[in-house]
Structure formats: C-alpha cells, structure tokens
Amino acid sequence: RKIPFIHKWYFPENREIIFTFRVDSDQGSLTEVNDLHELCKNHSIRTMWFIDTKSHERWLSRFKDFGQQDVGIHCYEHMTFPAEEKNLHNILKALSLLNTQGLHPKGVAAPYGTWNASIASVFEQIGAGFSSEFGLDYDDLPFFPFVDNKFSPVLQLPIHPICVGSMRRAGYSAEEMRKYFRQLVDTKIQQREPLCLYHHPTHHHLDLFADVFDYVRSKHIDNYSYAEYASWWRTRDETVWTHHFNREKNELTAHSTDLNAGVH
C-alpha cells in the first residue's frame, strides 16, 4: 500500500535491544550462591533470582541482602505435578517461606521451564506479575499467554533456553561456551531481539559470565531487571498511539496518551 509500517517499539527509550539475566538457584550451596551474587554485584548486573526454597531453607535470609538483584519464586519441591492442587501447594509453600523472611516476590518461574494450563492457573491465583518458562516460548518478546479462552494476566518473559548445563551435556569446552555466548549477543543485536540469559549457581563457570557481562557492556546494551522490563511492557501495552499519514505531503503525524512513558 506504500504507507509506513508503524508500531510501538519493543524496548524502553528506543533502545536497540536490552539484556536481562536470571538465576535459577537449584540446589546451590551458600558458597555457590554467594560467589554468583558477588559476580553479578561487581558487574552491576540486575539479576532475577528464582529461589528453590527447600534447598536454602536454613539460610533464606541471605537473599534479603541482594539489593538491586530481585528475588522470585521457583519452587519448594523442584518439580511440577500433573494436578493443579499439588502445584499450588508447592508454590504457596515456597511463597510462605519467602514471606516469612520479609521477601515479597513479584515473579515466578516453574521448575524445568514447564508451562501448561495448570501452572498458568496457579500463577494467576497467587497474583504473580510475571513468569518465565521456556517450555511455553523462548527467544521472544514478552506477551500475555492465551489459555482457557482468555489472556492470562501473568506476563510471560521468554528467555534463551540454552544454559551452561545444556552445553556441558553436549560436551562444550569453556572456550566453545565463550564463543557461543558472544555469537549469541551479536545475533541478538542484528535481530533486534531481547538478550535474556540464565544460569545456575551449581554450574559455576563464573569467568565465562564475567566475559559475557563485559562483552554485553562493550556493545552498549543496557541491563534491565525482570521487574523493570515487565513494568515497562505493561505500560507499553496500555499506552495508546494514534497515527495519521498524509499521502500528499508524505507526512506522518503521531499522538500518544503518555509521552513520558518511554514508549516510542
């Protein structure tokens, strides 16, 4: 039709892409958690920690001191169940333990990246603001899943599904891992897709992620927390733009309901 294709941009303040980092704390020891936390802190990385509460039950209070690193729910028992009731019990037990320590998570991620209608219902019942399960989708923009003939109010934040554990099982060397992540960063820049990575404390390789963080910085990619990106995406969703294209003048006019929202 020879008219401009106009849409709301996918990242805050017209950034080309953004970087998020997530940790699933699965069975990590206190030393392993501390080491990974220190790495993220030293590199000023806003990190989303999804907590396996059973594994850290004796020292959950440690997560209160994480500052700019957010805490979310992963599980009590590190598994998902066929029955919704058992999934709800598992997540509520984890939430109760975190609340007891003065931690009030906004987000959740199911064990093993599992997602189905039962999991979606549980997350909605507990009032989660966002979740992240690569069993539903990965390497994609945020969205509200359509389940049981309606859109879920729980925003989905897809991630890249390959982690150090995946590469270790495939026999990757440390150097091959480094090349993989660097190539992934370059690919995401070219594709204008969010760069969303995850890691586990038990997988170590801290030097690898120090390199990843430095490489991301060298590409001038801004790091956002899950809570920040989820909040901005909801604002994006609610911001209304109207456009008019004047063919004769070859002129496009745009109006927004909120010019201060950082939505372009």
Protein backbone atom coordinates (compact mmCIF):
# COMPACT_ATOMS: atom_id res chain seq x y z
CA ARG A 1 0.00 0.00 0.00
CA LYS A 2 3.08 2.21 0.07
CA ILE A 3 2.46 3.55 3.58
CA PRO A 4 4.85 3.38 6.57
CA PHE A 5 4.66 0.38 8.90
CA ILE A 6 4.23 1.90 12.36
CA HIS A 7 4.28 0.05 15.68
CA LYS A 8 5.29 0.65 19.28
CA TRP A 9 8.95 -0.17 19.82
CA TYR A 10 9.92 -3.19 21.88
CA PHE A 11 12.40 -1.66 24.32
CA PRO A 12 12.43 1.35 26.68
CA GLU A 13 13.63 4.73 25.44
CA ASN A 14 14.07 3.49 21.88
CA ARG A 15 17.00 1.21 22.78
CA GLU A 16 18.02 -1.23 20.08
CA ILE A 17 17.89 -4.23 22.46
CA ILE A 18 18.16 -4.88 26.20
CA PHE A 19 19.84 -7.51 28.38
CA THR A 20 18.28 -9.44 31.26
CA PHE A 21 19.92 -12.07 33.45
CA ARG A 22 18.22 -14.73 35.51
CA VAL A 23 19.46 -17.30 38.03
CA ASP A 24 17.57 -20.46 38.98
CA SER A 25 19.10 -21.25 42.37
CA ASP A 26 18.53 -25.04 42.07
CA GLN A 27 20.34 -26.83 44.94
CA GLY A 28 23.04 -24.17 45.08
CA SER A 29 25.14 -24.11 48.24
CA LEU A 30 25.59 -20.93 50.25
CA THR A 31 29.11 -20.54 48.87
CA GLU A 32 27.96 -21.04 45.27
CA VAL A 33 25.10 -18.55 45.69
CA ASN A 34 27.40 -16.01 47.33
CA ASP A 35 30.01 -16.36 44.57
CA LEU A 36 27.48 -15.85 41.78
CA HIS A 37 25.82 -12.98 43.63
CA GLU A 38 29.20 -11.30 44.07
CA LEU A 39 29.96 -11.66 40.36
CA CYS A 40 26.66 -10.00 39.41
CA LYS A 41 27.15 -7.29 42.02
CA ASN A 42 30.68 -6.48 40.88
CA HIS A 43 29.48 -6.16 37.29
CA SER A 44 26.37 -4.15 38.30
CA ILE A 45 24.06 -6.73 36.74
CA ARG A 46 20.41 -6.51 37.77
CA THR A 47 19.68 -10.18 38.29
CA MET A 48 16.44 -12.12 38.78
CA TRP A 49 16.92 -14.94 41.29
CA PHE A 50 14.22 -17.63 41.18
CA ILE A 51 14.58 -19.39 44.53
CA ASP A 52 14.47 -23.13 45.15
CA THR A 53 13.37 -22.56 48.76
CA LYS A 54 13.74 -26.12 50.05
CA SER A 55 17.44 -26.19 49.17
CA HIS A 56 18.10 -22.91 51.01
CA GLU A 57 15.53 -23.17 53.80
CA ARG A 58 18.11 -22.81 56.58
CA TRP A 59 19.59 -19.61 55.15
CA LEU A 60 16.84 -17.96 53.09
CA SER A 61 17.51 -14.72 54.95
CA ARG A 62 20.67 -14.36 52.84
CA PHE A 63 18.54 -13.29 49.88
CA LYS A 64 17.30 -10.23 51.81
CA ASP A 65 20.66 -8.55 51.22
CA PHE A 66 20.68 -8.81 47.44
CA GLY A 67 19.99 -5.12 46.76
CA GLN A 68 19.43 -4.47 43.07
CA GLN A 69 19.13 -8.23 42.48
CA ASP A 70 15.49 -9.31 42.66
CA VAL A 71 14.08 -12.48 44.21
CA GLY A 72 11.28 -14.57 42.72
CA ILE A 73 9.59 -17.93 43.37
CA HIS A 74 10.90 -21.09 41.77
CA CYS A 75 9.53 -23.88 43.97
CA TYR A 76 9.68 -25.75 47.24
CA GLU A 77 9.94 -29.21 45.69
CA HIS A 78 11.89 -28.83 42.45
CA MET A 79 9.28 -30.44 40.25
CA THR A 80 5.93 -29.86 38.60
CA PHE A 81 2.88 -32.06 39.09
CA PRO A 82 0.03 -33.19 36.83
CA ALA A 83 -2.52 -31.98 39.41
CA GLU A 84 -3.13 -28.26 39.85
CA GLU A 85 -3.70 -28.69 43.60
CA LYS A 86 -0.20 -30.08 44.12
CA ASN A 87 1.37 -27.33 42.02
CA LEU A 88 -0.50 -24.71 44.03
CA HIS A 89 0.62 -26.26 47.32
CA ASN A 90 4.23 -26.36 46.11
CA ILE A 91 4.28 -22.69 45.03
CA LEU A 92 2.36 -21.47 48.10
CA LYS A 93 4.81 -23.23 50.42
CA ALA A 94 7.72 -21.51 48.66
CA LEU A 95 5.92 -18.15 48.83
CA SER A 96 5.19 -18.59 52.55
CA LEU A 97 8.84 -19.29 53.32
CA LEU A 98 9.97 -16.22 51.38
CA ASN A 99 7.34 -14.01 53.02
CA THR A 100 8.47 -15.22 56.45
CA GLN A 101 11.90 -13.80 55.65
CA GLY A 102 10.42 -10.47 54.59
CA LEU A 103 10.79 -11.27 50.89
CA HIS A 104 7.84 -10.42 48.64
CA PRO A 105 8.50 -11.74 45.14
CA LYS A 106 6.65 -10.35 42.14
CA GLY A 107 7.65 -13.04 39.68
CA VAL A 108 7.79 -16.81 39.40
CA ALA A 109 9.34 -19.48 37.19
CA ALA A 110 8.25 -23.12 37.16
CA PRO A 111 10.87 -25.88 37.58
CA TYR A 112 12.36 -27.22 34.34
CA GLY A 113 10.73 -24.41 32.35
CA THR A 114 7.43 -26.31 32.38
CA TRP A 115 4.28 -24.43 31.38
CA ASN A 116 0.70 -25.66 30.98
CA ALA A 117 -2.83 -24.59 31.89
CA SER A 118 -2.41 -25.87 35.46
CA ILE A 119 0.78 -23.86 36.01
CA ALA A 120 -0.81 -20.78 34.44
CA SER A 121 -3.81 -21.06 36.77
CA VAL A 122 -1.57 -21.39 39.85
CA PHE A 123 0.44 -18.31 38.92
CA GLU A 124 -2.74 -16.33 38.37
CA GLN A 125 -4.14 -17.47 41.74
CA ILE A 126 -1.09 -16.25 43.66
CA GLY A 127 -1.17 -12.91 41.86
CA ALA A 128 2.18 -13.22 40.09
CA GLY A 129 3.02 -10.24 37.94
CA PHE A 130 5.18 -12.20 35.51
CA SER A 131 6.60 -15.65 34.89
CA SER A 132 9.27 -17.16 32.64
CA GLU A 133 9.01 -20.69 31.19
CA PHE A 134 10.91 -21.68 28.05
CA GLY A 135 8.58 -24.68 27.76
CA LEU A 136 5.99 -22.17 26.52
CA ASP A 137 8.22 -19.89 24.42
CA TYR A 138 11.79 -18.69 24.15
CA ASP A 139 13.88 -16.08 22.32
CA ASP A 140 10.84 -13.86 22.01
CA LEU A 141 9.25 -10.63 23.21
CA PRO A 142 7.05 -10.52 26.34
CA PHE A 143 3.40 -11.45 25.92
CA PHE A 144 0.26 -12.48 27.80
CA PRO A 145 -0.43 -16.21 27.15
CA PHE A 146 -3.81 -17.20 25.80
CA VAL A 147 -5.13 -20.06 27.94
CA ASP A 148 -8.63 -21.40 28.62
CA ASN A 149 -10.14 -18.99 26.07
CA LYS A 150 -8.72 -15.86 27.71
CA PHE A 151 -5.49 -13.97 28.04
CA SER A 152 -3.64 -14.64 31.28
CA PRO A 153 -2.88 -11.55 33.40
CA VAL A 154 0.55 -13.05 34.14
CA LEU A 155 3.07 -11.58 31.70
CA GLN A 156 5.41 -14.13 30.13
CA LEU A 157 9.10 -13.13 29.82
CA PRO A 158 10.77 -15.58 27.41
CA ILE A 159 14.49 -16.35 27.74
CA HIS A 160 17.17 -18.04 25.67
CA PRO A 161 16.77 -21.76 26.53
CA ILE A 162 20.44 -22.80 26.35
CA CYS A 163 22.45 -22.63 29.57
CA VAL A 164 25.85 -23.87 30.70
CA GLY A 165 24.26 -27.16 31.78
CA SER A 166 22.95 -27.73 28.24
CA MET A 167 26.40 -27.10 26.77
CA ARG A 168 28.17 -29.26 29.33
CA ARG A 169 25.90 -32.18 28.41
CA ALA A 170 26.78 -31.57 24.75
CA GLY A 171 30.50 -31.68 25.55
CA TYR A 172 31.31 -27.98 25.02
CA SER A 173 34.64 -26.69 26.26
CA ALA A 174 34.86 -23.41 28.18
CA GLU A 175 36.18 -21.69 25.06
CA GLU A 176 33.34 -23.05 22.94
CA MET A 177 30.87 -21.73 25.52
CA ARG A 178 32.51 -18.30 25.38
CA LYS A 179 32.28 -18.21 21.58
CA TYR A 180 28.67 -19.40 21.71
CA PHE A 181 27.54 -16.59 24.01
CA ARG A 182 29.50 -13.92 22.14
CA GLN A 183 27.95 -15.04 18.87
CA LEU A 184 24.52 -15.05 20.51
CA VAL A 185 25.00 -11.43 21.66
CA ASP A 186 25.93 -10.40 18.12
CA THR A 187 22.97 -12.27 16.66
CA LYS A 188 20.51 -10.65 19.07
CA ILE A 189 21.81 -7.21 18.13
CA GLN A 190 21.29 -7.96 14.45
CA GLN A 191 17.80 -9.40 15.04
CA ARG A 192 16.74 -6.63 17.48
CA GLU A 193 15.61 -9.27 19.97
CA PRO A 194 15.99 -9.07 23.77
CA LEU A 195 19.06 -10.85 25.11
CA CYS A 196 17.77 -12.90 28.05
CA LEU A 197 20.19 -15.40 29.59
CA TYR A 198 20.07 -17.67 32.63
CA HIS A 199 22.44 -19.64 34.82
CA HIS A 200 22.60 -21.90 37.89
CA PRO A 201 24.98 -21.50 40.87
CA THR A 202 25.92 -25.20 40.72
CA HIS A 203 27.20 -24.79 37.15
CA HIS A 204 29.99 -22.42 38.23
CA HIS A 205 31.87 -21.02 35.15
CA LEU A 206 31.99 -17.57 36.73
CA ASP A 207 34.82 -16.49 34.43
CA LEU A 208 32.58 -17.28 31.47
CA PHE A 209 29.83 -14.98 32.69
CA ALA A 210 32.32 -12.29 33.63
CA ASP A 211 33.28 -12.37 29.94
CA VAL A 212 29.61 -12.33 28.87
CA PHE A 213 28.86 -9.32 31.08
CA ASP A 214 31.92 -7.45 29.80
CA TYR A 215 31.04 -8.25 26.18
CA VAL A 216 27.46 -7.06 26.68
CA ARG A 217 28.77 -3.80 28.18
CA SER A 218 31.20 -3.36 25.29
CA LYS A 219 28.21 -3.45 22.92
CA HIS A 220 26.47 -0.72 24.96
CA ILE A 221 23.49 -2.95 25.77
CA ASP A 222 21.60 -1.75 28.85
CA ASN A 223 20.73 -4.27 31.55
CA TYR A 224 17.18 -4.31 32.98
CA SER A 225 15.75 -6.31 35.84
CA TYR A 226 12.79 -8.57 35.16
CA ALA A 227 10.57 -6.33 37.27
CA GLU A 228 11.67 -3.23 35.33
CA TYR A 229 11.11 -4.78 31.93
CA ALA A 230 7.76 -6.32 32.96
CA SER A 231 6.56 -2.99 34.36
CA TRP A 232 7.62 -1.12 31.22
CA TRP A 233 5.96 -3.70 28.96
CA ARG A 234 2.68 -3.27 30.79
CA THR A 235 2.99 0.48 30.33
CA ARG A 236 3.73 -0.12 26.65
CA ASP A 237 0.64 -2.30 26.41
CA GLU A 238 -1.54 0.41 27.97
CA THR A 239 -0.08 3.34 26.01
CA VAL A 240 -2.25 4.25 23.05
CA TRP A 241 -0.72 5.75 19.92
CA THR A 242 -2.72 7.17 17.02
CA HIS A 243 -1.14 7.86 13.64
CA HIS A 244 -2.12 9.73 10.51
CA PHE A 245 -0.25 9.55 7.20
CA ASN A 246 -0.75 12.37 4.72
CA ARG A 247 -0.02 10.93 1.27
CA GLU A 248 0.09 14.28 -0.46
CA LYS A 249 2.68 15.73 1.93
CA ASN A 250 4.32 12.37 2.61
CA GLU A 251 3.97 13.28 6.28
CA LEU A 252 3.33 11.10 9.32
CA THR A 253 1.72 12.52 12.48
CA ALA A 254 1.67 10.59 15.75
CA HIS A 255 -0.06 11.21 19.10
CA SER A 256 0.43 9.31 22.37
CA THR A 257 -1.65 9.06 25.55
CA ASP A 258 1.57 9.22 27.60
CA LEU A 259 4.63 10.95 26.16
CA ASN A 260 6.59 10.31 29.37
CA ALA A 261 6.23 6.51 29.34
CA GLY A 262 9.40 5.86 27.36
CA VAL A 263 7.30 4.16 24.67
CA HIS A 264 8.19 5.13 21.10
